[in-house]
PDB file of N, CA and C in Angstrom:
ATOM      1  N   MET A   1    -212.081  59.401-106.426  1.00  0.00           N
ATOM      2  CA  MET A   1    -211.792  60.543-105.569  1.00  0.00           C
ATOM      3  C   MET A   1    -210.430  60.945-105.345  1.00  0.00           C
ATOM      4  N   LEU A   2    -209.951  62.155-105.588  1.00  0.00           N
ATOM      5  CA  LEU A   2    -208.544  62.513-105.409  1.00  0.00           C
ATOM      6  C   LEU A   2    -208.158  62.912-104.182  1.00  0.00           C
ATOM      7  N   ILE A   3    -209.101  63.225-103.442  1.00  0.00           N
ATOM      8  CA  ILE A   3    -208.909  63.623-101.891  1.00  0.00           C
ATOM      9  C   ILE A   3    -208.435  62.797-101.091  1.00  0.00           C
ATOM     10  N   ASN A   4    -206.859  62.907-100.588  1.00  0.00           N
ATOM     11  CA  ASN A   4    -206.217  62.063 -99.679  1.00  0.00           C
ATOM     12  C   ASN A   4    -205.543  61.118-100.427  1.00  0.00           C
ATOM     13  N   ASP A   5    -205.449  61.270-101.669  1.00  0.00           N
ATOM     14  CA  ASP A   5    -204.373  60.119-102.481  1.00  0.00           C
ATOM     15  C   ASP A   5    -203.819  61.364-103.483  1.00  0.00           C
ATOM     16  N   PHE A   6    -204.591  62.002-104.363  1.00  0.00           N
ATOM     17  CA  PHE A   6    -203.839  63.002-105.427  1.00  0.00           C
ATOM     18  C   PHE A   6    -203.376  64.304-104.651  1.00  0.00           C
ATOM     19  N   PHE A   7    -204.207  64.474-103.599  1.00  0.00           N
ATOM     20  CA  PHE A   7    -203.958  65.914-102.819  1.00  0.00           C
ATOM     21  C   PHE A   7    -204.553  65.493-101.537  1.00  0.00           C
ATOM     22  N   SER A   8    -203.874  66.302-100.539  1.00  0.00           N
ATOM     23  CA  SER A   8    -204.543  66.482 -99.230  1.00  0.00           C
ATOM     24  C   SER A   8    -204.737  67.777 -98.621  1.00  0.00           C
ATOM     25  N   VAL A   9    -205.500  67.925 -97.714  1.00  0.00           N
ATOM     26  CA  VAL A   9    -205.647  69.226 -97.307  1.00  0.00           C
ATOM     27  C   VAL A   9    -204.727  69.513 -95.892  1.00  0.00           C
ATOM     28  N   GLN A  10    -204.094  70.531 -96.115  1.00  0.00           N
ATOM     29  CA  GLN A  10    -203.157  71.075 -95.154  1.00  0.00           C
ATOM     30  C   GLN A  10    -203.900  71.895 -94.043  1.00  0.00           C
ATOM     31  N   GLU A  11    -204.822  72.569 -94.515  1.00  0.00           N
ATOM     32  CA  GLU A  11    -205.725  73.619 -93.861  1.00  0.00           C
ATOM     33  C   GLU A  11    -206.838  74.046 -94.502  1.00  0.00           C
ATOM     34  N   LYS A  12    -208.095  74.233 -93.996  1.00  0.00           N
ATOM     35  CA  LYS A  12    -209.149  74.826 -94.595  1.00  0.00           C
ATOM     36  C   LYS A  12    -210.049  75.644 -93.493  1.00  0.00           C
ATOM     37  N   HIS A  13    -210.525  76.571 -94.091  1.00  0.00           N
ATOM     38  CA  HIS A  13    -211.351  77.659 -93.361  1.00  0.00           C
ATOM     39  C   HIS A  13    -212.583  77.800 -94.293  1.00  0.00           C
ATOM     40  N   SER A  14    -213.701  77.646 -93.746  1.00  0.00           N
ATOM     41  CA  SER A  14    -215.046  78.076 -94.902  1.00  0.00           C
ATOM     42  C   SER A  14    -216.104  78.624 -93.944  1.00  0.00           C
ATOM     43  N   ASP A  15    -217.173  79.237 -94.612  1.00  0.00           N
ATOM     44  CA  ASP A  15    -218.249  79.836 -94.056  1.00  0.00           C
ATOM     45  C   ASP A  15    -219.315  79.593 -95.086  1.00  0.00           C
ATOM     46  N   SER A  16    -220.476  79.913 -94.983  1.00  0.00           N
ATOM     47  CA  SER A  16    -221.481  79.790 -96.001  1.00  0.00           C
ATOM     48  C   SER A  16    -221.337  80.332 -97.423  1.00  0.00           C
ATOM     49  N   ASN A  17    -220.571  81.219 -97.554  1.00  0.00           N
ATOM     50  CA  ASN A  17    -219.994  81.605 -98.940  1.00  0.00           C
ATOM     51  C   ASN A  17    -218.911  81.380 -99.555  1.00  0.00           C
ATOM     52  N   ARG A  18    -217.894  80.876 -98.584  1.00  0.00           N
ATOM     53  CA  ARG A  18    -216.584  80.760 -99.288  1.00  0.00           C
ATOM     54  C   ARG A  18    -215.836  79.533 -98.543  1.00  0.00           C
ATOM     55  N   ILE A  19    -214.946  78.871 -99.266  1.00  0.00           N
ATOM     56  CA  ILE A  19    -214.110  77.948 -98.999  1.00  0.00           C
ATOM     57  C   ILE A  19    -212.405  78.447 -99.198  1.00  0.00           C
ATOM     58  N   GLU A  20    -211.609  78.382 -98.267  1.00  0.00           N
ATOM     59  CA  GLU A  20    -210.144  78.654 -98.568  1.00  0.00           C
ATOM     60  C   GLU A  20    -209.484  77.633 -97.868  1.00  0.00           C
ATOM     61  N   ALA A  21    -208.565  77.178 -98.565  1.00  0.00           N
ATOM     62  CA  ALA A  21    -207.746  75.794 -98.282  1.00  0.00           C
ATOM     63  C   ALA A  21    -206.160  75.784 -98.914  1.00  0.00           C
ATOM     64  N   ALA A  22    -205.381  75.405 -98.012  1.00  0.00           N
ATOM     65  CA  ALA A  22    -204.274  74.847 -98.258  1.00  0.00           C
ATOM     66  C   ALA A  22    -204.041  73.604 -98.698  1.00  0.00           C
ATOM     67  N   LEU A  23    -203.676  73.244 -99.910  1.00  0.00           N
ATOM     68  CA  LEU A  23    -203.543  71.722-100.430  1.00  0.00           C
ATOM     69  C   LEU A  23    -202.063  71.440-100.466  1.00  0.00           C
ATOM     70  N   ILE A  24    -201.725  70.130-100.448  1.00  0.00           N
ATOM     71  CA  ILE A  24    -200.507  69.624-100.778  1.00  0.00           C
ATOM     72  C   ILE A  24    -200.807  68.421-101.783  1.00  0.00           C
ATOM     73  N   LEU A  25    -200.127  68.561-102.979  1.00  0.00           N
ATOM     74  CA  LEU A  25    -200.098  67.569-104.015  1.00  0.00           C
ATOM     75  C   LEU A  25    -199.050  66.347-103.746  1.00  0.00           C
ATOM     76  N   ASN A  26    -199.452  65.330-104.193  1.00  0.00           N
ATOM     77  CA  ASN A  26    -198.759  64.090-104.212  1.00  0.00           C
ATOM     78  C   ASN A  26    -197.839  63.883-105.525  1.00  0.00           C
ATOM     79  N   PRO A  27    -196.688  64.512-105.478  1.00  0.00           N
ATOM     80  CA  PRO A  27    -196.041  64.189-106.697  1.00  0.00           C
ATOM     81  C   PRO A  27    -195.748  62.653-107.412  1.00  0.00           C
ATOM     82  N   GLU A  28    -195.975  61.820-106.165  1.00  0.00           N
ATOM     83  CA  GLU A  28    -195.839  60.324-106.697  1.00  0.00           C
ATOM     84  C   GLU A  28    -197.233  59.608-107.167  1.00  0.00           C
ATOM     85  N   HIS A  29    -198.313  60.452-107.271  1.00  0.00           N
ATOM     86  CA  HIS A  29    -199.273  59.852-107.833  1.00  0.00           C
ATOM     87  C   HIS A  29    -199.402  59.309-109.261  1.00  0.00           C
ATOM     88  N   ALA A  30    -199.965  58.051-109.373  1.00  0.00           N
ATOM     89  CA  ALA A  30    -199.907  57.427-110.740  1.00  0.00           C
ATOM     90  C   ALA A  30    -200.292  58.172-111.738  1.00  0.00           C
ATOM     91  N   ILE A  31    -201.099  59.300-111.634  1.00  0.00           N
ATOM     92  CA  ILE A  31    -201.598  60.080-112.789  1.00  0.00           C
ATOM     93  C   ILE A  31    -200.539  60.769-113.252  1.00  0.00           C
ATOM     94  N   PHE A  32    -199.247  61.042-112.770  1.00  0.00           N
ATOM     95  CA  PHE A  32    -198.196  61.809-113.345  1.00  0.00           C
ATOM     96  C   PHE A  32    -197.553  60.951-114.199  1.00  0.00           C
ATOM     97  N   THR A  33    -197.557  59.463-114.133  1.00  0.00           N
ATOM     98  CA  THR A  33    -196.707  58.602-114.794  1.00  0.00           C
ATOM     99  C   THR A  33    -197.129  58.795-116.407  1.00  0.00           C
ATOM    100  N   GLY A  34    -198.367  59.161-116.458  1.00  0.00           N
ATOM    101  CA  GLY A  34    -199.264  59.191-117.843  1.00  0.00           C
ATOM    102  C   GLY A  34    -199.309  60.670-118.409  1.00  0.00           C
ATOM    103  N   HIS A  35    -199.077  61.570-117.374  1.00  0.00           N
ATOM    104  CA  HIS A  35    -199.379  63.059-117.731  1.00  0.00           C
ATOM    105  C   HIS A  35    -198.368  63.945-117.226  1.00  0.00           C
ATOM    106  N   PHE A  36    -197.234  64.064-117.477  1.00  0.00           N
ATOM    107  CA  PHE A  36    -196.775  63.230-118.754  1.00  0.00           C
ATOM    108  C   PHE A  36    -195.232  62.510-117.962  1.00  0.00           C
ATOM    109  N   PRO A  37    -194.901  61.576-118.493  1.00  0.00           N
ATOM    110  CA  PRO A  37    -193.738  60.943-117.883  1.00  0.00           C
ATOM    111  C   PRO A  37    -192.453  61.373-117.678  1.00  0.00           C
ATOM    112  N   GLN A  38    -192.082  62.335-118.670  1.00  0.00           N
ATOM    113  CA  GLN A  38    -190.690  63.158-118.490  1.00  0.00           C
ATOM    114  C   GLN A  38    -190.959  64.433-117.852  1.00  0.00           C
ATOM    115  N   LYS A  39    -192.132  65.010-117.916  1.00  0.00           N
ATOM    116  CA  LYS A  39    -192.591  66.357-117.447  1.00  0.00           C
ATOM    117  C   LYS A  39    -193.824  66.569-116.846  1.00  0.00           C
ATOM    118  N   PRO A  40    -194.116  65.759-115.612  1.00  0.00           N
ATOM    119  CA  PRO A  40    -195.242  65.834-115.306  1.00  0.00           C
ATOM    120  C   PRO A  40    -196.005  67.181-114.815  1.00  0.00           C
ATOM    121  N   VAL A  41    -197.275  67.184-115.117  1.00  0.00           N
ATOM    122  CA  VAL A  41    -198.068  68.264-114.887  1.00  0.00           C
ATOM    123  C   VAL A  41    -199.594  67.831-114.334  1.00  0.00           C
ATOM    124  N   VAL A  42    -200.118  68.768-113.502  1.00  0.00           N
ATOM    125  CA  VAL A  42    -201.387  68.472-113.045  1.00  0.00           C
ATOM    126  C   VAL A  42    -202.385  68.615-114.145  1.00  0.00           C
ATOM    127  N   PRO A  43    -203.132  67.572-114.165  1.00  0.00           N
ATOM    128  CA  PRO A  43    -204.196  67.644-115.505  1.00  0.00           C
ATOM    129  C   PRO A  43    -205.338  68.765-115.069  1.00  0.00           C
ATOM    130  N   GLY A  44    -205.837  69.401-116.176  1.00  0.00           N
ATOM    131  CA  GLY A  44    -206.981  70.323-116.091  1.00  0.00           C
ATOM    132  C   GLY A  44    -208.184  69.898-115.459  1.00  0.00           C
ATOM    133  N   VAL A  45    -208.340  68.368-115.785  1.00  0.00           N
ATOM    134  CA  VAL A  45    -209.761  67.804-115.196  1.00  0.00           C
ATOM    135  C   VAL A  45    -209.212  67.698-113.805  1.00  0.00           C
ATOM    136  N   CYS A  46    -208.125  67.382-113.228  1.00  0.00           N
ATOM    137  CA  CYS A  46    -208.085  67.025-111.848  1.00  0.00           C
ATOM    138  C   CYS A  46    -208.252  68.366-110.981  1.00  0.00           C
ATOM    139  N   MET A  47    -208.065  69.649-111.615  1.00  0.00           N
ATOM    140  CA  MET A  47    -208.030  70.817-111.028  1.00  0.00           C
ATOM    141  C   MET A  47    -209.770  71.093-110.978  1.00  0.00           C
ATOM    142  N   VAL A  48    -210.512  70.835-111.912  1.00  0.00           N
ATOM    143  CA  VAL A  48    -211.833  70.884-111.560  1.00  0.00           C
ATOM    144  C   VAL A  48    -212.275  69.871-110.611  1.00  0.00           C
ATOM    145  N   GLN A  49    -211.938  68.661-110.510  1.00  0.00           N
ATOM    146  CA  GLN A  49    -212.370  67.647-109.584  1.00  0.00           C
ATOM    147  C   GLN A  49    -211.861  68.292-108.312  1.00  0.00           C
ATOM    148  N   ILE A  50    -210.555  68.655-108.083  1.00  0.00           N
ATOM    149  CA  ILE A  50    -210.259  69.378-106.666  1.00  0.00           C
ATOM    150  C   ILE A  50    -211.270  70.474-106.222  1.00  0.00           C
ATOM    151  N   VAL A  51    -211.867  71.094-107.120  1.00  0.00           N
ATOM    152  CA  VAL A  51    -212.718  72.045-106.698  1.00  0.00           C
ATOM    153  C   VAL A  51    -214.110  71.513-106.188  1.00  0.00           C
ATOM    154  N   ARG A  52    -214.513  70.463-106.939  1.00  0.00           N
ATOM    155  CA  ARG A  52    -215.762  69.635-106.790  1.00  0.00           C
ATOM    156  C   ARG A  52    -215.615  69.045-105.515  1.00  0.00           C
ATOM    157  N   GLU A  53    -214.687  68.445-105.102  1.00  0.00           N
ATOM    158  CA  GLU A  53    -214.175  67.497-103.968  1.00  0.00           C
ATOM    159  C   GLU A  53    -214.301  68.138-102.799  1.00  0.00           C
ATOM    160  N   MET A  54    -213.741  69.334-102.935  1.00  0.00           N
ATOM    161  CA  MET A  54    -213.619  70.308-101.640  1.00  0.00           C
ATOM    162  C   MET A  54    -214.889  71.103-101.435  1.00  0.00           C
ATOM    163  N   ILE A  55    -215.793  71.313-102.389  1.00  0.00           N
ATOM    164  CA  ILE A  55    -217.130  71.784-102.259  1.00  0.00           C
ATOM    165  C   ILE A  55    -217.808  70.622-101.473  1.00  0.00           C
ATOM    166  N   GLU A  56    -217.788  69.457-101.934  1.00  0.00           N
ATOM    167  CA  GLU A  56    -218.651  68.323-101.468  1.00  0.00           C
ATOM    168  C   GLU A  56    -218.142  68.067-100.124  1.00  0.00           C
ATOM    169  N   ALA A  57    -216.930  67.988 -99.732  1.00  0.00           N
ATOM    170  CA  ALA A  57    -216.412  67.559 -98.377  1.00  0.00           C
ATOM    171  C   ALA A  57    -216.909  68.565 -97.256  1.00  0.00           C
ATOM    172  N   ASP A  58    -216.946  69.981 -97.672  1.00  0.00           N
ATOM    173  CA  ASP A  58    -217.106  70.877 -96.856  1.00  0.00           C
ATOM    174  C   ASP A  58    -218.567  70.903 -96.596  1.00  0.00           C
ATOM    175  N   ARG A  59    -219.601  70.654 -97.653  1.00  0.00           N
ATOM    176  CA  ARG A  59    -220.945  70.815 -97.547  1.00  0.00           C
ATOM    177  C   ARG A  59    -221.408  69.414 -97.259  1.00  0.00           C
ATOM    178  N   GLN A  60    -220.986  68.281 -97.109  1.00  0.00           N
ATOM    179  CA  GLN A  60    -221.388  66.918 -97.121  1.00  0.00           C
ATOM    180  C   GLN A  60    -222.320  66.575 -98.331  1.00  0.00           C
ATOM    181  N   ILE A  61    -222.373  66.926 -99.306  1.00  0.00           N
ATOM    182  CA  ILE A  61    -223.068  66.774-100.513  1.00  0.00           C
ATOM    183  C   ILE A  61    -222.433  66.106-101.705  1.00  0.00           C
ATOM    184  N   LYS A  62    -222.998  65.822-102.606  1.00  0.00           N
ATOM    185  CA  LYS A  62    -222.719  65.117-103.976  1.00  0.00           C
ATOM    186  C   LYS A  62    -223.064  66.037-104.955  1.00  0.00           C
ATOM    187  N   LEU A  63    -222.035  66.538-105.826  1.00  0.00           N
ATOM    188  CA  LEU A  63    -222.309  67.389-106.933  1.00  0.00           C
ATOM    189  C   LEU A  63    -221.681  67.125-108.173  1.00  0.00           C
ATOM    190  N   GLN A  64    -222.396  67.542-109.232  1.00  0.00           N
ATOM    191  CA  GLN A  64    -221.851  67.500-110.729  1.00  0.00           C
ATOM    192  C   GLN A  64    -221.770  68.928-111.204  1.00  0.00           C
ATOM    193  N   LEU A  65    -220.868  69.059-112.029  1.00  0.00           N
ATOM    194  CA  LEU A  65    -220.645  70.158-112.791  1.00  0.00           C
ATOM    195  C   LEU A  65    -221.724  70.266-114.065  1.00  0.00           C
ATOM    196  N   VAL A  66    -222.681  71.256-114.118  1.00  0.00           N
ATOM    197  CA  VAL A  66    -223.607  71.357-115.026  1.00  0.00           C
ATOM    198  C   VAL A  66    -223.327  72.437-115.937  1.00  0.00           C
ATOM    199  N   LEU A  67    -222.610  73.383-115.747  1.00  0.00           N
ATOM    200  CA  LEU A  67    -222.228  74.465-116.412  1.00  0.00           C
ATOM    201  C   LEU A  67    -221.122  75.304-116.164  1.00  0.00           C
ATOM    202  N   ALA A  68    -220.037  75.094-117.100  1.00  0.00           N
ATOM    203  CA  ALA A  68    -218.950  75.694-116.970  1.00  0.00           C
ATOM    204  C   ALA A  68    -218.618  77.082-117.648  1.00  0.00           C
ATOM    205  N   ASP A  69    -219.268  78.365-117.131  1.00  0.00           N
ATOM    206  CA  ASP A  69    -219.324  79.529-117.970  1.00  0.00           C
ATOM    207  C   ASP A  69    -217.854  79.862-118.495  1.00  0.00           C
ATOM    208  N   SER A  70    -216.751  79.597-117.393  1.00  0.00           N
ATOM    209  CA  SER A  70    -215.553  79.854-117.704  1.00  0.00           C
ATOM    210  C   SER A  70    -214.412  79.090-116.926  1.00  0.00           C
ATOM    211  N   ILE A  71    -213.563  78.385-117.995  1.00  0.00           N
ATOM    212  CA  ILE A  71    -212.415  77.655-117.284  1.00  0.00           C
ATOM    213  C   ILE A  71    -211.147  78.215-118.025  1.00  0.00           C
ATOM    214  N   LYS A  72    -210.250  78.437-117.059  1.00  0.00           N
ATOM    215  CA  LYS A  72    -208.920  79.185-117.700  1.00  0.00           C
ATOM    216  C   LYS A  72    -207.977  78.373-116.973  1.00  0.00           C
ATOM    217  N   PHE A  73    -207.156  77.940-117.575  1.00  0.00           N
ATOM    218  CA  PHE A  73    -205.690  77.306-117.367  1.00  0.00           C
ATOM    219  C   PHE A  73    -204.597  78.156-117.594  1.00  0.00           C
ATOM    220  N   LEU A  74    -204.224  78.942-116.390  1.00  0.00           N
ATOM    221  CA  LEU A  74    -203.372  80.037-116.802  1.00  0.00           C
ATOM    222  C   LEU A  74    -201.761  79.730-116.836  1.00  0.00           C
ATOM    223  N   ASN A  75    -201.333  78.772-115.785  1.00  0.00           N
ATOM    224  CA  ASN A  75    -200.010  78.436-115.582  1.00  0.00           C
ATOM    225  C   ASN A  75    -200.142  76.818-115.466  1.00  0.00           C
ATOM    226  N   VAL A  76    -198.932  76.224-115.726  1.00  0.00           N
ATOM    227  CA  VAL A  76    -198.881  74.660-115.503  1.00  0.00           C
ATOM    228  C   VAL A  76    -198.345  74.474-114.047  1.00  0.00           C
ATOM    229  N   ILE A  77    -198.999  73.369-113.417  1.00  0.00           N
ATOM    230  CA  ILE A  77    -198.384  73.077-111.925  1.00  0.00           C
ATOM    231  C   ILE A  77    -197.643  72.007-112.349  1.00  0.00           C
ATOM    232  N   ASP A  78    -196.474  71.862-112.025  1.00  0.00           N
ATOM    233  CA  ASP A  78    -195.630  70.755-112.287  1.00  0.00           C
ATOM    234  C   ASP A  78    -195.314  70.319-110.523  1.00  0.00           C
ATOM    235  N   PRO A  79    -195.739  69.189-110.457  1.00  0.00           N
ATOM    236  CA  PRO A  79    -195.936  68.487-108.987  1.00  0.00           C
ATOM    237  C   PRO A  79    -194.475  68.458-108.300  1.00  0.00           C
ATOM    238  N   ASN A  80    -193.420  68.407-109.036  1.00  0.00           N
ATOM    239  CA  ASN A  80    -192.069  68.192-108.779  1.00  0.00           C
ATOM    240  C   ASN A  80    -191.611  69.627-107.870  1.00  0.00           C
ATOM    241  N   GLU A  81    -192.000  70.640-108.810  1.00  0.00           N
ATOM    242  CA  GLU A  81    -191.594  71.903-108.553  1.00  0.00           C
ATOM    243  C   GLU A  81    -192.515  72.774-107.300  1.00  0.00           C
ATOM    244  N   THR A  82    -193.720  72.464-107.495  1.00  0.00           N
ATOM    245  CA  THR A  82    -195.097  73.170-106.967  1.00  0.00           C
ATOM    246  C   THR A  82    -195.791  72.062-106.283  1.00  0.00           C
ATOM    247  N   THR A  83    -195.636  71.837-105.013  1.00  0.00           N
ATOM    248  CA  THR A  83    -196.441  70.804-104.040  1.00  0.00           C
ATOM    249  C   THR A  83    -197.378  71.435-103.244  1.00  0.00           C
ATOM    250  N   SER A  84    -197.420  72.636-102.956  1.00  0.00           N
ATOM    251  CA  SER A  84    -198.406  73.160-102.143  1.00  0.00           C
ATOM    252  C   SER A  84    -198.876  74.390-102.929  1.00  0.00           C
ATOM    253  N   ILE A  85    -200.433  74.178-102.895  1.00  0.00           N
ATOM    254  CA  ILE A  85    -200.984  75.075-103.782  1.00  0.00           C
ATOM    255  C   ILE A  85    -202.477  75.592-102.724  1.00  0.00           C
ATOM    256  N   ASN A  86    -202.908  76.614-103.281  1.00  0.00           N
ATOM    257  CA  ASN A  86    -203.953  77.275-102.467  1.00  0.00           C
ATOM    258  C   ASN A  86    -205.405  77.166-103.456  1.00  0.00           C
ATOM    259  N   LEU A  87    -206.372  76.831-102.733  1.00  0.00           N
ATOM    260  CA  LEU A  87    -207.911  77.039-103.433  1.00  0.00           C
ATOM    261  C   LEU A  87    -208.689  78.188-102.761  1.00  0.00           C
ATOM    262  N   SER A  88    -209.322  78.996-103.327  1.00  0.00           N
ATOM    263  CA  SER A  88    -210.338  79.776-102.983  1.00  0.00           C
ATOM    264  C   SER A  88    -211.640  79.453-103.641  1.00  0.00           C
ATOM    265  N   VAL A  89    -212.474  79.381-103.051  1.00  0.00           N
ATOM    266  CA  VAL A  89    -213.937  79.058-103.832  1.00  0.00           C
ATOM    267  C   VAL A  89    -214.897  80.081-103.223  1.00  0.00           C
ATOM    268  N   GLN A  90    -215.645  80.870-104.015  1.00  0.00           N
ATOM    269  CA  GLN A  90    -216.611  81.678-103.418  1.00  0.00           C
ATOM    270  C   GLN A  90    -217.844  80.805-104.147  1.00  0.00           C
ATOM    271  N   ILE A  91    -218.834  80.809-103.136  1.00  0.00           N
ATOM    272  CA  ILE A  91    -220.311  80.171-103.288  1.00  0.00           C
ATOM    273  C   ILE A  91    -221.443  80.917-103.234  1.00  0.00           C
ATOM    274  N   SER A  92    -222.352  80.652-104.176  1.00  0.00           N
ATOM    275  CA  SER A  92    -223.711  80.902-103.689  1.00  0.00           C
ATOM    276  C   SER A  92    -224.592  80.183-104.146  1.00  0.00           C
ATOM    277  N   VAL A  93    -225.978  79.884-103.335  1.00  0.00           N
ATOM    278  CA  VAL A  93    -226.773  78.969-103.523  1.00  0.00           C
ATOM    279  C   VAL A  93    -227.678  79.465-104.253  1.00  0.00           C
ATOM    280  N   ASP A  94    -228.633  79.132-105.136  1.00  0.00           N
ATOM    281  CA  ASP A  94    -229.845  79.650-105.694  1.00  0.00           C
ATOM    282  C   ASP A  94    -231.174  79.001-105.070  1.00  0.00           C
ATOM    283  N   GLU A  95    -232.062  79.366-105.635  1.00  0.00           N
ATOM    284  CA  GLU A  95    -233.300  78.914-105.161  1.00  0.00           C
ATOM    285  C   GLU A  95    -233.733  77.307-105.493  1.00  0.00           C
ATOM    286  N   VAL A  96    -232.929  76.770-106.475  1.00  0.00           N
ATOM    287  CA  VAL A  96    -233.082  75.572-106.804  1.00  0.00           C
ATOM    288  C   VAL A  96    -231.935  74.568-106.407  1.00  0.00           C
ATOM    289  N   PHE A  97    -231.234  75.188-105.475  1.00  0.00           N
ATOM    290  CA  PHE A  97    -230.080  74.457-104.749  1.00  0.00           C
ATOM    291  C   PHE A  97    -229.050  74.144-105.560  1.00  0.00           C
ATOM    292  N   GLN A  98    -228.842  75.209-106.677  1.00  0.00           N
ATOM    293  CA  GLN A  98    -227.558  75.114-107.650  1.00  0.00           C
ATOM    294  C   GLN A  98    -226.503  75.805-107.156  1.00  0.00           C
ATOM    295  N   TYR A  99    -225.317  75.374-106.988  1.00  0.00           N
ATOM    296  CA  TYR A  99    -224.120  76.237-106.560  1.00  0.00           C
ATOM    297  C   TYR A  99    -223.289  76.623-107.412  1.00  0.00           C
ATOM    298  N   LYS A 100    -223.579  78.102-107.501  1.00  0.00           N
ATOM    299  CA  LYS A 100    -222.775  79.046-108.523  1.00  0.00           C
ATOM    300  C   LYS A 100    -221.619  79.303-107.523  1.00  0.00           C
ATOM    301  N   VAL A 101    -220.352  78.969-108.570  1.00  0.00           N
ATOM    302  CA  VAL A 101    -218.963  78.944-107.902  1.00  0.00           C
ATOM    303  C   VAL A 101    -218.068  79.548-108.724  1.00  0.00           C
ATOM    304  N   ALA A 102    -217.086  80.349-108.146  1.00  0.00           N
ATOM    305  CA  ALA A 102    -216.103  81.068-108.583  1.00  0.00           C
ATOM    306  C   ALA A 102    -214.720  80.377-107.807  1.00  0.00           C
ATOM    307  N   ALA A 103    -213.989  79.856-108.620  1.00  0.00           N
ATOM    308  CA  ALA A 103    -212.898  79.050-107.805  1.00  0.00           C
ATOM    309  C   ALA A 103    -211.677  79.596-108.315  1.00  0.00           C
ATOM    310  N   THR A 104    -210.608  79.671-107.465  1.00  0.00           N
ATOM    311  CA  THR A 104    -209.065  79.925-108.069  1.00  0.00           C
ATOM    312  C   THR A 104    -208.264  79.007-107.312  1.00  0.00           C
ATOM    313  N   ILE A 105    -207.041  78.394-108.112  1.00  0.00           N
ATOM    314  CA  ILE A 105    -206.245  77.824-107.644  1.00  0.00           C
ATOM    315  C   ILE A 105    -204.859  78.449-107.968  1.00  0.00           C
ATOM    316  N   PHE A 106    -204.107  78.689-106.890  1.00  0.00           N
ATOM    317  CA  PHE A 106    -202.905  79.661-106.878  1.00  0.00           C
ATOM    318  C   PHE A 106    -201.853  79.289-106.036  1.00  0.00           C
ATOM    319  N   SER A 107    -200.733  79.648-106.019  1.00  0.00           N
ATOM    320  CA  SER A 107    -199.647  79.781-105.120  1.00  0.00           C
ATOM    321  C   SER A 107    -198.973  80.856-105.139  1.00  0.00           C
ATOM    322  N   GLY A 108    -198.938  81.714-103.929  1.00  0.00           N
ATOM    323  CA  GLY A 108    -198.298  83.011-103.971  1.00  0.00           C
ATOM    324  C   GLY A 108    -198.829  84.047-104.927  1.00  0.00           C
ATOM    325  N   GLU A 109    -198.322  84.434-105.841  1.00  0.00           N
ATOM    326  CA  GLU A 109    -198.635  85.524-107.025  1.00  0.00           C
ATOM    327  C   GLU A 109    -199.117  84.878-108.394  1.00  0.00           C
ATOM    328  N   VAL A 110    -198.858  83.370-108.205  1.00  0.00           N
ATOM    329  CA  VAL A 110    -199.070  82.899-109.666  1.00  0.00           C
ATOM    330  C   VAL A 110    -200.420  82.150-109.430  1.00  0.00           C
ATOM    331  N   ILE A 111    -201.340  82.356-110.416  1.00  0.00           N
ATOM    332  CA  ILE A 111    -202.917  81.769-110.532  1.00  0.00           C
ATOM    333  C   ILE A 111    -202.471  80.771-111.756  1.00  0.00           C
ATOM    334  N   TYR A 112    -202.980  79.392-111.337  1.00  0.00           N
ATOM    335  CA  TYR A 112    -202.766  78.375-112.125  1.00  0.00           C
ATOM    336  C   TYR A 112    -204.104  77.934-112.749  1.00  0.00           C
ATOM    337  N   PHE A 113    -205.330  78.450-112.204  1.00  0.00           N
ATOM    338  CA  PHE A 113    -206.482  78.028-112.848  1.00  0.00           C
ATOM    339  C   PHE A 113    -207.719  78.665-112.379  1.00  0.00           C
ATOM    340  N   LYS A 114    -208.711  79.161-112.950  1.00  0.00           N
ATOM    341  CA  LYS A 114    -209.855  79.841-112.599  1.00  0.00           C
ATOM    342  C   LYS A 114    -211.203  79.188-113.269  1.00  0.00           C
ATOM    343  N   LEU A 115    -212.038  79.029-112.423  1.00  0.00           N
ATOM    344  CA  LEU A 115    -213.401  78.415-112.820  1.00  0.00           C
ATOM    345  C   LEU A 115    -214.526  79.143-112.459  1.00  0.00           C
ATOM    346  N   SER A 116    -215.502  79.416-113.254  1.00  0.00           N
ATOM    347  CA  SER A 116    -216.754  79.968-113.001  1.00  0.00           C
ATOM    348  C   SER A 116    -217.652  78.929-113.782  1.00  0.00           C
ATOM    349  N   GLY A 117    -218.534  78.514-112.742  1.00  0.00           N
ATOM    350  CA  GLY A 117    -219.673  77.627-113.145  1.00  0.00           C
ATOM    351  C   GLY A 117    -220.797  77.190-112.233  1.00  0.00           C
ATOM    352  N   ILE A 118    -221.516  76.241-112.534  1.00  0.00           N
ATOM    353  CA  ILE A 118    -222.649  75.836-111.606  1.00  0.00           C
ATOM    354  C   ILE A 118    -222.599  74.383-111.485  1.00  0.00           C
ATOM    355  N   PHE A 119    -222.697  74.030-110.312  1.00  0.00           N
ATOM    356  CA  PHE A 119    -222.902  72.463-109.751  1.00  0.00           C
ATOM    357  C   PHE A 119    -224.251  72.172-109.318  1.00  0.00           C
ATOM    358  N   SER A 120    -224.668  71.190-109.761  1.00  0.00           N
ATOM    359  CA  SER A 120    -225.939  70.526-109.141  1.00  0.00           C
ATOM    360  C   SER A 120    -225.526  69.379-108.396  1.00  0.00           C
ATOM    361  N   ILE A 121    -226.594  69.559-107.262  1.00  0.00           N
ATOM    362  CA  ILE A 121    -226.701  68.343-106.265  1.00  0.00           C
ATOM    363  C   ILE A 121    -227.164  67.147-107.068  1.00  0.00           C
ATOM    364  N   VAL A 122    -226.364  65.822-106.770  1.00  0.00           N
ATOM    365  CA  VAL A 122    -226.823  64.732-107.465  1.00  0.00           C
ATOM    366  C   VAL A 122    -227.687  63.777-106.414  1.00  0.00           C
ATOM    367  N   ASN A 123    -228.656  63.400-106.785  1.00  0.00           N
ATOM    368  CA  ASN A 123    -229.697  62.637-105.962  1.00  0.00           C
ATOM    369  C   ASN A 123    -229.157  61.298-106.003  1.00  0.00           C
ATOM    370  N   GLY A 124    -229.292  60.739-104.679  1.00  0.00           N
ATOM    371  CA  GLY A 124    -228.878  59.198-104.633  1.00  0.00           C
ATOM    372  C   GLY A 124    -227.690  58.961-104.478  1.00  0.00           C
TER     373      GLY A 124
END
């Protein structure tokens, strides 16, 4: 889990179709010593995990990514320069309880990451 370690939630608003959050990155996290020692950047897999964990925390469920229609890494997040990021997630749930998600991580006008995909509930 990355929440409350790699990142923390500063503010969150949600309803049945949307999650909006202000997040704070931890630039001292051990991930950055390996990714990369002289020029740390937030790994792409961590951005996907942030989306997943924020939905899980908001909906009190466990999810797994089953389809990524589109994942775009548009700008690098240097945790020494950018510690505050925003997350916007649009969610629709289909008849078999799969979560269709369109998510964006951004700061101001800079978009770092976009994800369009489907998460499925993990049983057990």
